[in-house]
């Protein structure tokens, strides 16, 4: 792992911690700086990790991260931009699915698929009574993140490589982050939500960026 990668990764960690702290102390200025900065640094990691041959996987991961950055900006604005943020992350997940499938093909292994189906189904059951007019968009989003995590796991199962393992861990961390965000927003807010959501989110993005060069 190059010195530049380590340096940027340390910067990601510091910026993420500052962002989480700012959320709790109510410093919106620091949030506006640190949240997009953290994702931008992760994008830089992915870019420097893309091989000279510009692999399809690496390009799709970078594009997905750019849409995540757009989603970050929408969700941190003072006005309610939840739908544009949701759409941005939906596109990002579709790009991640494309990235995972580009390396391993599309697979359906029942023992790999079952845990993701159970998880997504359980989340939908828990959230359904609280979704009101958001039932359709949240259901679509759940299906997409189910496919994202599932195909990342299928890639790991098929390739058995370090890179695929890191990507799968990142995808699962992303699912956890999105699920915690949904529980906090639609079911019942809880104090540790922001730290847990952002911590698992930035970890997910960093792991997926790392998988480009691993």
Protein backbone atom coordinates (compact mmCIF):
# COMPACT_ATOMS: atom_id res chain seq x y z
CA UNK A 1 0.00 0.00 0.00
CA UNK A 2 1.54 3.34 -1.08
CA UNK A 3 2.42 6.17 1.25
CA UNK A 4 -0.05 8.41 -0.59
CA UNK A 5 -2.85 5.90 0.01
CA UNK A 6 -2.02 5.75 3.72
CA UNK A 7 -1.84 9.54 3.99
CA UNK A 8 -5.22 10.04 2.30
CA UNK A 9 -6.74 7.23 4.40
CA UNK A 10 -5.58 8.95 7.60
CA UNK A 11 -7.11 12.19 6.30
CA UNK A 12 -10.37 10.33 5.66
CA UNK A 13 -10.39 9.11 9.26
CA UNK A 14 -9.72 12.56 10.71
CA UNK A 15 -12.33 14.22 8.49
CA UNK A 16 -14.92 11.55 9.31
CA UNK A 17 -14.35 11.96 13.05
CA UNK A 18 -14.67 15.74 12.72
CA UNK A 19 -17.89 15.28 10.76
CA UNK A 20 -19.43 12.97 13.38
CA UNK A 21 -18.38 15.32 16.19
CA UNK A 22 -19.85 18.30 14.34
CA UNK A 23 -23.18 16.48 13.99
CA UNK A 24 -23.42 16.07 17.75
CA UNK A 25 -22.25 19.56 18.76
CA UNK A 26 -24.48 21.16 16.14
CA UNK A 27 -21.77 22.84 14.07
CA UNK A 28 -23.41 22.96 10.65
CA UNK A 29 -20.43 24.80 9.11
CA UNK A 30 -18.12 21.91 10.04
CA UNK A 31 -20.65 19.41 8.72
CA UNK A 32 -20.84 21.29 5.40
CA UNK A 33 -17.05 21.12 5.15
CA UNK A 34 -16.23 17.69 6.58
CA UNK A 35 -18.98 15.52 5.10
CA UNK A 36 -18.28 16.25 1.41
CA UNK A 37 -14.55 16.44 2.18
CA UNK A 38 -14.53 12.90 3.61
CA UNK A 39 -16.29 11.45 0.59
CA UNK A 40 -14.10 13.50 -1.78
CA UNK A 41 -10.98 12.07 -0.13
CA UNK A 42 -12.39 8.56 -0.57
CA UNK A 43 -13.02 9.35 -4.25
CA UNK A 44 -9.37 10.41 -4.51
CA UNK A 45 -8.36 7.04 -3.03
CA UNK A 46 -10.40 5.20 -5.64
CA UNK A 47 -8.99 7.34 -8.46
CA UNK A 48 -5.36 6.74 -7.51
CA UNK A 49 -6.16 3.05 -7.13
CA UNK A 50 -7.60 2.63 -10.63
CA UNK A 51 -4.96 0.71 -12.62
CA UNK A 52 -3.32 2.28 -15.64
CA UNK A 53 -5.55 0.08 -17.78
CA UNK A 54 -8.58 1.92 -16.30
CA UNK A 55 -10.52 -1.20 -15.34
CA UNK A 56 -14.28 -1.15 -15.73
CA UNK A 57 -14.60 -2.05 -12.06
CA UNK A 58 -12.53 0.92 -10.94
CA UNK A 59 -14.34 3.36 -13.21
CA UNK A 60 -17.77 2.21 -12.00
CA UNK A 61 -16.68 2.50 -8.36
CA UNK A 62 -15.46 6.07 -8.93
CA UNK A 63 -18.75 6.99 -10.65
CA UNK A 64 -20.72 5.43 -7.77
CA UNK A 65 -18.72 7.45 -5.25
CA UNK A 66 -19.43 10.65 -7.18
CA UNK A 67 -23.18 9.98 -6.91
CA UNK A 68 -22.70 9.26 -3.20
CA UNK A 69 -21.05 12.67 -2.89
CA UNK A 70 -24.12 14.23 -4.54
CA UNK A 71 -26.32 12.31 -2.10
CA UNK A 72 -24.24 13.55 0.83
CA UNK A 73 -24.73 17.14 -0.27
CA UNK A 74 -28.48 16.75 -0.75
CA UNK A 75 -28.98 15.11 2.66
CA UNK A 76 -26.95 17.66 4.62
CA UNK A 77 -28.74 20.73 3.21
CA UNK A 78 -31.05 22.58 5.62
CA UNK A 79 -34.04 22.05 3.31
CA UNK A 80 -35.53 18.57 3.05
CA UNK A 81 -33.78 17.06 0.03
CA UNK A 82 -34.42 13.44 1.04
CA UNK A 83 -35.83 12.33 -2.33
CA UNK A 84 -32.96 13.77 -4.45
CA UNK A 85 -30.54 12.25 -1.93
CA UNK A 86 -32.33 8.91 -2.15
CA UNK A 87 -32.17 8.97 -5.96
CA UNK A 88 -28.46 9.83 -5.90
CA UNK A 89 -27.68 6.90 -3.63
CA UNK A 90 -29.99 4.65 -5.66
CA UNK A 91 -27.92 5.39 -8.78
CA UNK A 92 -24.73 4.84 -6.78
CA UNK A 93 -25.93 1.40 -5.68
CA UNK A 94 -26.82 0.49 -9.28
CA UNK A 95 -23.29 1.47 -10.32
CA UNK A 96 -21.86 -0.64 -7.49
CA UNK A 97 -23.95 -3.58 -8.69
CA UNK A 98 -22.55 -3.03 -12.18
CA UNK A 99 -19.02 -2.94 -10.75
CA UNK A 100 -19.43 -6.23 -8.85
CA UNK A 101 -21.07 -7.97 -11.80
CA UNK A 102 -18.35 -6.67 -14.18
CA UNK A 103 -15.74 -8.77 -12.38
CA UNK A 104 -17.64 -11.94 -11.54
CA UNK A 105 -20.80 -12.00 -13.63
CA UNK A 106 -24.31 -12.20 -12.19
CA UNK A 107 -24.84 -15.17 -9.85
CA UNK A 108 -27.69 -16.62 -7.82
CA UNK A 109 -26.43 -18.91 -5.08
CA UNK A 110 -29.30 -19.68 -2.65
CA UNK A 111 -27.10 -19.91 0.44
CA UNK A 112 -25.56 -16.50 -0.40
CA UNK A 113 -28.84 -14.85 -1.39
CA UNK A 114 -30.96 -16.05 1.57
CA UNK A 115 -29.41 -13.89 4.35
CA UNK A 116 -29.78 -10.73 2.25
CA UNK A 117 -33.40 -11.55 1.40
CA UNK A 118 -34.19 -12.18 5.08
CA UNK A 119 -32.49 -8.95 6.13
CA UNK A 120 -34.26 -6.79 3.52
CA UNK A 121 -37.62 -8.47 4.21
CA UNK A 122 -37.24 -7.89 7.95
CA UNK A 123 -36.38 -4.24 7.41
CA UNK A 124 -39.43 -3.74 5.20
CA UNK A 125 -41.72 -5.36 7.79
CA UNK A 126 -40.31 -3.14 10.55
CA UNK A 127 -40.51 0.06 8.52
CA UNK A 128 -43.77 -0.50 6.60
CA UNK A 129 -46.25 0.92 9.17
CA UNK A 130 -44.18 4.12 9.42
CA UNK A 131 -43.50 4.87 5.75
CA UNK A 132 -46.77 6.60 4.75
CA UNK A 133 -46.27 8.06 1.22
CA UNK A 134 -42.69 6.78 1.15
CA UNK A 135 -43.65 3.11 0.82
CA UNK A 136 -42.85 2.81 -2.90
CA UNK A 137 -39.50 4.68 -2.97
CA UNK A 138 -38.24 2.97 0.18
CA UNK A 139 -39.27 -0.47 -1.13
CA UNK A 140 -37.44 0.17 -4.42
CA UNK A 141 -34.39 1.36 -2.52
CA UNK A 142 -34.42 -1.72 -0.28
CA UNK A 143 -34.55 -3.99 -3.32
CA UNK A 144 -31.57 -2.20 -4.86
CA UNK A 145 -29.41 -2.31 -1.72
CA UNK A 146 -30.38 -5.98 -1.33
CA UNK A 147 -29.02 -6.63 -4.83
CA UNK A 148 -25.92 -4.53 -4.15
CA UNK A 149 -24.97 -6.46 -1.01
CA UNK A 150 -25.95 -9.79 -2.54
CA UNK A 151 -23.90 -9.37 -5.73
CA UNK A 152 -20.92 -8.16 -3.69
CA UNK A 153 -21.17 -11.38 -1.66
CA UNK A 154 -21.60 -13.42 -4.84
CA UNK A 155 -18.43 -11.80 -6.23
CA UNK A 156 -16.58 -12.82 -3.07
CA UNK A 157 -17.98 -16.34 -3.26
CA UNK A 158 -17.01 -16.67 -6.93
CA UNK A 159 -13.58 -14.99 -7.01
CA UNK A 160 -12.33 -15.84 -3.50
CA UNK A 161 -9.97 -12.87 -3.71
CA UNK A 162 -8.86 -10.29 -1.14
CA UNK A 163 -10.32 -7.49 -3.23
CA UNK A 164 -13.72 -9.21 -3.48
CA UNK A 165 -13.73 -9.86 0.28
CA UNK A 166 -13.03 -6.18 1.02
CA UNK A 167 -15.75 -5.08 -1.42
CA UNK A 168 -18.27 -7.45 0.18
CA UNK A 169 -17.48 -6.11 3.66
CA UNK A 170 -17.91 -2.59 2.30
CA UNK A 171 -21.27 -3.44 0.73
CA UNK A 172 -22.53 -5.02 3.95
CA UNK A 173 -21.38 -1.99 5.95
CA UNK A 174 -23.29 0.21 3.47
CA UNK A 175 -26.44 -1.86 4.02
CA UNK A 176 -26.06 -1.47 7.78
CA UNK A 177 -25.62 2.29 7.44
CA UNK A 178 -28.70 2.69 5.22
CA UNK A 179 -30.76 0.47 7.53
CA UNK A 180 -29.80 2.48 10.62
CA UNK A 181 -30.62 5.71 8.77
CA UNK A 182 -34.06 4.33 7.80
CA UNK A 183 -34.81 3.19 11.36
CA UNK A 184 -33.80 6.58 12.75
CA UNK A 185 -35.80 8.55 10.17
CA UNK A 186 -38.95 6.47 9.84
CA UNK A 187 -39.35 4.39 13.00
CA UNK A 188 -37.84 6.11 16.03
CA UNK A 189 -34.90 8.52 16.30
CA UNK A 190 -32.09 7.40 18.61
CA UNK A 191 -29.13 9.39 19.97
CA UNK A 192 -26.33 7.22 18.60
CA UNK A 193 -27.86 7.07 15.10
CA UNK A 194 -25.74 9.80 13.51
CA UNK A 195 -22.47 8.34 14.73
CA UNK A 196 -23.40 4.79 13.76
CA UNK A 197 -24.82 5.79 10.36
CA UNK A 198 -21.87 7.98 9.39
CA UNK A 199 -19.26 5.62 10.85
CA UNK A 200 -20.56 2.60 8.95
CA UNK A 201 -21.14 4.71 5.82
CA UNK A 202 -17.61 6.11 5.61
CA UNK A 203 -16.16 2.68 6.44
CA UNK A 204 -18.22 1.18 3.61
CA UNK A 205 -17.04 3.73 1.08
CA UNK A 206 -13.40 3.42 2.18
CA UNK A 207 -13.51 -0.37 1.90
CA UNK A 208 -15.05 -0.30 -1.57
CA UNK A 209 -12.47 2.27 -2.70
CA UNK A 210 -9.74 0.04 -1.21
CA UNK A 211 -11.08 -2.95 -3.17
CA UNK A 212 -10.10 -1.23 -6.42
CA UNK A 213 -6.40 -1.76 -5.71
CA UNK A 214 -6.47 -4.65 -3.21
